[in-house]
Amino acid sequence: MAGTFRFTFGPWNIHEGADVFGPPVRKTVQFDKKLEMYKSLGFDGVQFHDDDAVPELEGKNAATIGKEAVDLRKRLSQLGLIAEFVAPRLWEDPRTIDGGYTANDPAARKYAMERSRISIDIANALGTDLIVLWLAREGTYIRESKDSKVATSRLVEAINEMLAYDPRIRICIEPKPNEPMDHAYLPTTGHALAIGMLTDDPDRVGVNIESAHAILAGLDPSDEMGFALAFNKLWTVHLNDQNGLKFDQDKAFGSVDLRRAFNQVRILDKHDYGKNGEWVGLDVKAMRTQKDDNATAHLTNSLEMFHHLLNISRAVDDAEIDTLVNERDYEGLDLYIMKQLIGR
């Protein structure tokens, strides 16, 4: 057990509580104020969408975008923070209503690539080489609207263009099976790794596994992490939790299933996650009922739970586990793990 753990979250994780059924219920926290909270909450790195780093970037030229990104890097340095990654936010623009990289409209595909190149420029200015692709609208509401073979080829082409644009950047795909589209083209870790193998430089294409997204696919997040680790492709994670197969809830880590959370922590620690500089990211939302004065508890709770489960994992008797496994006494193993989790 030799994982090295540093933690990040994105500024969107401190939010007003609006959802698809209702308006905001908390006051807006200004971006710089959020950045000032990171260290006190126990975090050393920041996740960015492109327009988190440079607000309203659509109306700005390259020089302005570059200057604002450099200024942000200076601000991060002042606060002792590091940018973990930049993700192009392609899903909110009307031009990407039918997807970005896989859109039927060539103009939409062109816009998606322009925005992706801007994200790479911002990442360079912030000092990170990691680009995360959450392919939110790269799928269909109706299967006959797109050809899945063509769509796959378009995704490969888009990734190749990004890899060619900057030979230093790495592309990290964040798979999700649904929402906002009914069916996504890259729903699982296996899909993400497979498409990476089709690119011009597979060594620079990896995955970001989010707990809730794996659960939405009917999979166990720790198994997805182990699969990616076997390929040396787990370049970041988004830890959270999910209550069933519904919309993406982004609940605090461990809040639904402690054992599922325990196994995620254990697989990361067991296989030295973080030794190559990988971060542990959170993507969690405060409950809509949470009041303004404690609307960051979901972040500190998740961090506390990670460390608590890490201590449990490191304290288990591996010899006892090996004995139970060798004897194929899985009922005994089941009880042993449950007792560790309840402190017995």
Protein backbone atom coordinates (compact mmCIF):
# COMPACT_ATOMS: atom_id res chain seq x y z
CA MET A 1 0.00 0.00 0.00
CA ALA A 2 1.90 3.02 -1.24
CA GLY A 3 -0.51 5.39 -2.94
CA THR A 4 0.39 9.06 -2.97
CA PHE A 5 -2.71 11.18 -2.70
CA ARG A 6 -3.25 14.84 -3.59
CA PHE A 7 -6.74 16.18 -4.08
CA THR A 8 -8.58 18.46 -6.49
CA PHE A 9 -12.07 19.64 -7.27
CA GLY A 10 -13.58 22.01 -9.79
CA PRO A 11 -15.06 25.41 -8.90
CA TRP A 12 -18.45 24.15 -10.13
CA ASN A 13 -18.54 21.91 -7.06
CA ILE A 14 -19.32 24.99 -4.98
CA HIS A 15 -22.62 26.00 -6.53
CA GLU A 16 -26.02 27.57 -6.05
CA GLY A 17 -28.10 24.38 -5.94
CA ALA A 18 -30.13 24.86 -9.10
CA ASP A 19 -31.32 21.69 -10.80
CA VAL A 20 -33.54 20.82 -13.74
CA PHE A 21 -36.59 21.06 -11.47
CA GLY A 22 -35.86 24.31 -9.66
CA PRO A 23 -33.89 27.56 -9.49
CA PRO A 24 -30.83 28.43 -7.37
CA VAL A 25 -31.29 28.25 -3.60
CA ARG A 26 -27.91 29.56 -2.43
CA LYS A 27 -25.94 32.75 -3.01
CA THR A 28 -23.26 32.80 -5.69
CA VAL A 29 -19.69 32.48 -4.44
CA GLN A 30 -17.30 34.47 -6.61
CA PHE A 31 -14.62 32.54 -8.45
CA ASP A 32 -11.64 34.06 -6.65
CA LYS A 33 -13.34 33.47 -3.32
CA LYS A 34 -13.69 29.82 -4.25
CA LEU A 35 -9.99 29.61 -5.04
CA GLU A 36 -9.20 31.08 -1.63
CA MET A 37 -11.13 28.21 -0.01
CA TYR A 38 -9.14 25.35 -1.54
CA LYS A 39 -6.23 25.14 0.89
CA SER A 40 -8.40 25.51 3.99
CA LEU A 41 -10.63 22.70 2.71
CA GLY A 42 -7.60 20.40 2.22
CA PHE A 43 -7.11 20.62 -1.57
CA ASP A 44 -3.98 21.49 -3.55
CA GLY A 45 -5.20 21.39 -7.15
CA VAL A 46 -7.98 22.84 -9.28
CA GLN A 47 -9.94 21.28 -12.12
CA PHE A 48 -10.96 23.69 -14.88
CA HIS A 49 -13.34 23.90 -17.76
CA ASP A 50 -11.95 26.25 -20.37
CA ASP A 51 -14.45 28.96 -19.47
CA ASP A 52 -13.84 28.53 -15.75
CA ALA A 53 -10.29 29.63 -16.42
CA VAL A 54 -11.24 32.32 -18.94
CA PRO A 55 -14.85 33.47 -18.49
CA GLU A 56 -16.83 34.43 -21.59
CA LEU A 57 -14.00 33.25 -23.79
CA GLU A 58 -16.22 33.09 -26.87
CA GLY A 59 -15.97 36.86 -27.31
CA LYS A 60 -12.22 37.12 -26.74
CA ASN A 61 -9.25 36.92 -29.06
CA ALA A 62 -6.28 34.61 -28.59
CA ALA A 63 -4.08 37.27 -27.01
CA THR A 64 -6.71 38.15 -24.40
CA ILE A 65 -7.41 34.51 -23.62
CA GLY A 66 -3.69 33.85 -23.21
CA LYS A 67 -3.18 36.85 -20.93
CA GLU A 68 -6.11 35.94 -18.69
CA ALA A 69 -4.90 32.34 -18.42
CA VAL A 70 -1.37 33.48 -17.50
CA ASP A 71 -2.82 35.85 -14.89
CA LEU A 72 -4.84 32.98 -13.45
CA ARG A 73 -1.73 30.82 -13.21
CA LYS A 74 -0.05 33.58 -11.22
CA ARG A 75 -3.06 33.73 -8.90
CA LEU A 76 -2.97 29.98 -8.40
CA SER A 77 0.71 30.17 -7.55
CA GLN A 78 0.03 32.88 -4.98
CA LEU A 79 -2.48 30.55 -3.33
CA GLY A 80 -0.21 27.50 -3.51
CA LEU A 81 -2.48 25.77 -6.03
CA ILE A 82 -1.87 23.85 -9.27
CA ALA A 83 -4.15 23.38 -12.28
CA GLU A 84 -4.85 19.67 -12.73
CA PHE A 85 -6.55 19.73 -16.14
CA VAL A 86 -8.61 21.77 -18.57
CA ALA A 87 -11.79 20.44 -20.19
CA PRO A 88 -13.47 22.05 -23.22
CA ARG A 89 -17.08 22.83 -22.29
CA LEU A 90 -18.80 21.83 -25.52
CA TRP A 91 -22.23 20.82 -24.27
CA GLU A 92 -23.75 24.23 -23.46
CA ASP A 93 -23.34 26.01 -26.79
CA PRO A 94 -26.35 25.90 -29.15
CA ARG A 95 -24.00 24.81 -31.93
CA THR A 96 -23.36 21.51 -30.14
CA ILE A 97 -27.00 20.57 -29.58
CA ASP A 98 -26.42 17.49 -31.78
CA GLY A 99 -22.91 16.87 -30.50
CA GLY A 100 -19.55 18.48 -31.13
CA TYR A 101 -17.04 16.07 -32.62
CA THR A 102 -19.80 13.72 -33.88
CA ALA A 103 -22.35 16.31 -35.02
CA ASN A 104 -23.90 15.81 -38.42
CA ASP A 105 -23.31 19.50 -39.17
CA PRO A 106 -19.72 20.18 -40.36
CA ALA A 107 -19.89 23.71 -38.91
CA ALA A 108 -20.61 22.27 -35.46
CA ARG A 109 -17.65 19.90 -35.77
CA LYS A 110 -15.43 22.81 -36.83
CA TYR A 111 -16.55 24.83 -33.79
CA ALA A 112 -15.84 21.89 -31.46
CA MET A 113 -12.27 21.65 -32.76
CA GLU A 114 -11.71 25.39 -32.47
CA ARG A 115 -12.89 25.30 -28.86
CA SER A 116 -10.68 22.27 -28.17
CA ARG A 117 -7.60 24.05 -29.49
CA ILE A 118 -8.40 27.02 -27.25
CA SER A 119 -8.62 24.64 -24.28
CA ILE A 120 -5.17 23.27 -25.12
CA ASP A 121 -3.78 26.81 -25.27
CA ILE A 122 -5.32 27.56 -21.88
CA ALA A 123 -3.90 24.35 -20.43
CA ASN A 124 -0.43 25.31 -21.62
CA ALA A 125 -0.77 28.75 -20.04
CA LEU A 126 -1.89 27.15 -16.76
CA GLY A 127 1.00 24.68 -16.76
CA THR A 128 -0.90 21.42 -17.21
CA ASP A 129 -0.63 18.89 -20.03
CA LEU A 130 -3.93 17.13 -19.29
CA ILE A 131 -7.09 17.69 -21.34
CA VAL A 132 -10.21 15.93 -20.05
CA LEU A 133 -12.95 15.12 -22.55
CA TRP A 134 -16.39 14.55 -21.09
CA LEU A 135 -18.16 13.71 -24.34
CA ALA A 136 -21.52 14.92 -23.07
CA ARG A 137 -23.44 15.14 -26.33
CA GLU A 138 -21.43 12.68 -28.39
CA GLY A 139 -24.27 10.22 -28.73
CA THR A 140 -27.88 10.10 -29.86
CA TYR A 141 -31.46 10.48 -28.72
CA ILE A 142 -32.49 8.33 -31.66
CA ARG A 143 -30.16 5.72 -33.11
CA GLU A 144 -31.06 6.36 -36.75
CA SER A 145 -29.89 9.98 -36.53
CA LYS A 146 -26.21 9.03 -36.67
CA ASP A 147 -24.05 6.24 -38.01
CA SER A 148 -22.10 4.85 -35.05
CA LYS A 149 -19.16 3.74 -37.21
CA VAL A 150 -18.88 7.20 -38.72
CA ALA A 151 -19.25 8.77 -35.26
CA THR A 152 -16.43 6.63 -33.90
CA SER A 153 -14.20 7.66 -36.78
CA ARG A 154 -15.05 11.30 -36.13
CA LEU A 155 -14.06 10.94 -32.47
CA VAL A 156 -10.73 9.43 -33.48
CA GLU A 157 -10.20 12.23 -36.00
CA ALA A 158 -10.94 14.87 -33.36
CA ILE A 159 -8.53 13.34 -30.85
CA ASN A 160 -5.86 13.05 -33.55
CA GLU A 161 -6.25 16.73 -34.35
CA MET A 162 -5.76 17.62 -30.69
CA LEU A 163 -2.72 15.37 -30.38
CA ALA A 164 -1.22 16.90 -33.51
CA TYR A 165 -1.96 20.45 -32.36
CA ASP A 166 0.31 20.04 -29.34
CA PRO A 167 2.74 17.09 -29.06
CA ARG A 168 2.98 17.49 -25.28
CA ILE A 169 -0.66 17.29 -24.27
CA ARG A 170 -2.44 14.15 -23.09
CA ILE A 171 -6.10 13.43 -23.76
CA CYS A 172 -8.07 11.92 -20.89
CA ILE A 173 -11.51 10.57 -21.81
CA GLU A 174 -14.23 10.60 -19.14
CA PRO A 175 -16.74 7.90 -20.11
CA LYS A 176 -20.43 8.05 -19.23
CA PRO A 177 -23.26 5.87 -20.58
CA ASN A 178 -26.06 8.44 -20.73
CA GLU A 179 -27.22 11.92 -19.76
CA PRO A 180 -27.59 14.30 -21.39
CA MET A 181 -27.85 12.01 -24.43
CA ASP A 182 -29.90 8.83 -24.18
CA HIS A 183 -27.00 6.75 -25.47
CA ALA A 184 -23.34 7.78 -25.47
CA TYR A 185 -20.74 6.46 -27.88
CA LEU A 186 -18.07 5.94 -25.20
CA PRO A 187 -20.03 4.66 -22.18
CA THR A 188 -17.32 2.73 -20.34
CA THR A 189 -13.61 2.60 -19.59
CA GLY A 190 -13.18 -0.17 -22.16
CA HIS A 191 -14.68 2.00 -24.88
CA ALA A 192 -12.41 4.90 -23.95
CA LEU A 193 -9.28 2.76 -23.99
CA ALA A 194 -10.28 1.10 -27.24
CA ILE A 195 -10.76 4.36 -29.08
CA GLY A 196 -7.40 5.53 -27.78
CA MET A 197 -5.81 2.56 -29.53
CA LEU A 198 -7.17 3.83 -32.85
CA THR A 199 -5.50 7.22 -32.52
CA ASP A 200 -2.16 8.27 -33.95
CA ASP A 201 -0.54 8.30 -30.49
CA PRO A 202 -2.23 5.85 -28.09
CA ASP A 203 0.39 6.54 -25.42
CA ARG A 204 -1.15 9.99 -24.96
CA VAL A 205 -4.76 8.89 -24.55
CA GLY A 206 -6.01 7.72 -21.14
CA VAL A 207 -9.10 7.80 -18.95
CA ASN A 208 -10.73 9.70 -16.14
CA ILE A 209 -13.03 7.36 -14.21
CA GLU A 210 -15.93 8.93 -12.34
CA SER A 211 -17.58 6.76 -9.70
CA ALA A 212 -21.14 7.78 -10.57
CA HIS A 213 -20.63 7.28 -14.30
CA ALA A 214 -19.44 3.71 -13.76
CA ILE A 215 -22.43 3.04 -11.52
CA LEU A 216 -24.79 4.47 -14.15
CA ALA A 217 -23.31 1.94 -16.58
CA GLY A 218 -24.14 -0.85 -14.10
CA LEU A 219 -20.45 -1.37 -13.30
CA ASP A 220 -18.35 -1.28 -10.16
CA PRO A 221 -16.07 1.79 -10.10
CA SER A 222 -13.18 -0.07 -8.47
CA ASP A 223 -13.24 -2.69 -11.24
CA GLU A 224 -13.17 0.06 -13.86
CA MET A 225 -10.22 1.62 -12.05
CA GLY A 226 -8.40 -1.70 -11.87
CA PHE A 227 -8.97 -2.27 -15.57
CA ALA A 228 -7.48 1.12 -16.43
CA LEU A 229 -4.60 0.62 -14.00
CA ALA A 230 -3.72 -2.62 -15.78
CA PHE A 231 -3.18 -0.56 -18.95
CA ASN A 232 -1.38 2.27 -17.09
CA LYS A 233 -4.16 4.53 -18.34
CA LEU A 234 -5.79 5.79 -15.13
CA TRP A 235 -4.63 9.39 -15.26
CA THR A 236 -7.21 10.93 -12.93
CA VAL A 237 -10.40 10.02 -11.08
CA HIS A 238 -13.60 11.77 -10.09
CA LEU A 239 -14.78 10.30 -6.82
CA ASN A 240 -18.40 10.67 -5.76
CA ASP A 241 -21.39 8.39 -5.17
CA GLN A 242 -24.64 7.50 -6.82
CA ASN A 243 -28.00 6.29 -5.51
CA GLY A 244 -29.20 3.92 -8.19
CA LEU A 245 -29.48 4.06 -11.96
CA LYS A 246 -30.92 7.52 -12.44
CA PHE A 247 -29.55 10.96 -13.23
CA ASP A 248 -25.95 11.79 -12.32
CA GLN A 249 -26.22 12.76 -8.65
CA ASP A 250 -22.59 13.49 -7.72
CA LYS A 251 -23.24 12.67 -4.08
CA ALA A 252 -20.49 12.95 -1.49
CA PHE A 253 -17.97 10.11 -1.70
CA GLY A 254 -19.13 7.08 0.30
CA SER A 255 -22.52 8.55 1.15
CA VAL A 256 -24.48 5.72 -0.50
CA ASP A 257 -22.25 2.64 -0.39
CA LEU A 258 -19.29 2.60 1.98
CA ARG A 259 -18.07 -0.76 0.77
CA ARG A 260 -18.06 0.41 -2.83
CA ALA A 261 -16.12 3.48 -1.75
CA PHE A 262 -13.73 1.34 0.31
CA ASN A 263 -12.84 -0.76 -2.71
CA GLN A 264 -12.11 2.32 -4.82
CA VAL A 265 -9.72 3.65 -2.19
CA ARG A 266 -8.15 0.21 -1.78
CA ILE A 267 -7.50 -0.41 -5.47
CA LEU A 268 -5.89 3.01 -5.86
CA ASP A 269 -3.68 2.55 -2.82
CA LYS A 270 -2.80 -1.06 -3.58
CA HIS A 271 -1.45 -0.17 -7.00
CA ASP A 272 0.48 2.98 -6.05
CA TYR A 273 -1.88 5.47 -7.66
CA GLY A 274 -0.37 8.94 -7.60
CA LYS A 275 3.25 7.87 -7.87
CA ASN A 276 3.40 9.40 -11.36
CA GLY A 277 1.75 12.62 -10.28
CA GLU A 278 -1.89 11.60 -10.72
CA TRP A 279 -4.42 13.48 -8.62
CA VAL A 280 -7.51 12.28 -6.77
CA GLY A 281 -10.32 14.49 -8.03
CA LEU A 282 -13.74 14.97 -6.52
CA ASP A 283 -16.84 15.80 -8.53
CA VAL A 284 -19.49 16.24 -5.86
CA LYS A 285 -22.51 18.46 -5.39
CA ALA A 286 -23.92 19.82 -2.15
CA MET A 287 -27.44 18.68 -1.41
CA ARG A 288 -29.96 21.23 -2.59
CA THR A 289 -31.17 21.52 0.99
CA GLN A 290 -27.76 22.65 2.26
CA LYS A 291 -27.62 26.18 3.67
CA ASP A 292 -25.18 28.82 2.47
CA ASP A 293 -23.07 28.84 5.62
CA ASN A 294 -21.98 25.22 5.18
CA ALA A 295 -22.18 24.62 1.44
CA THR A 296 -18.69 23.10 1.26
CA ALA A 297 -19.32 20.25 3.71
CA HIS A 298 -19.77 17.80 0.84
CA LEU A 299 -16.14 18.43 -0.11
CA THR A 300 -14.62 18.08 3.36
CA ASN A 301 -16.90 15.12 4.11
CA SER A 302 -15.70 13.35 0.97
CA LEU A 303 -12.07 14.04 1.83
CA GLU A 304 -12.56 12.84 5.40
CA MET A 305 -14.24 9.66 4.18
CA PHE A 306 -11.41 8.95 1.73
CA HIS A 307 -8.81 9.21 4.50
CA HIS A 308 -10.93 7.15 6.90
CA LEU A 309 -11.36 4.36 4.36
CA LEU A 310 -7.67 4.57 3.49
CA ASN A 311 -6.79 4.00 7.15
CA ILE A 312 -9.17 1.02 7.31
CA SER A 313 -7.70 -0.47 4.15
CA ARG A 314 -4.13 -0.09 5.38
CA ALA A 315 -5.03 -1.62 8.74
CA VAL A 316 -6.67 -4.80 7.46
CA ASP A 317 -4.78 -8.04 8.01
CA ASP A 318 -3.64 -9.02 4.53
CA ALA A 319 -2.50 -12.40 5.82
CA GLU A 320 -6.02 -13.06 7.07
CA ILE A 321 -7.44 -12.06 3.71
CA ASP A 322 -4.95 -14.31 1.89
CA THR A 323 -5.90 -17.24 4.13
CA LEU A 324 -9.61 -16.74 3.48
CA VAL A 325 -9.02 -16.42 -0.25
CA ASN A 326 -6.79 -19.52 -0.38
CA GLU A 327 -9.41 -21.49 1.51
CA ARG A 328 -12.10 -20.10 -0.81
CA ASP A 329 -13.97 -18.99 2.29
CA TYR A 330 -15.63 -16.01 0.67
CA GLU A 331 -18.40 -15.89 3.27
CA GLY A 332 -15.69 -15.47 5.87
CA LEU A 333 -14.01 -12.81 3.74
CA ASP A 334 -17.33 -11.03 3.31
CA LEU A 335 -17.87 -10.88 7.07
CA TYR A 336 -14.26 -9.85 7.71
CA ILE A 337 -14.54 -6.82 5.40
CA MET A 338 -17.92 -5.82 6.81
CA LYS A 339 -16.54 -5.95 10.35
CA GLN A 340 -13.63 -3.73 9.36
CA LEU A 341 -16.04 -1.19 7.93
CA ILE A 342 -18.14 -1.06 11.10
CA GLY A 343 -15.10 -1.01 13.37
CA ARG A 344 -15.47 -4.47 14.90
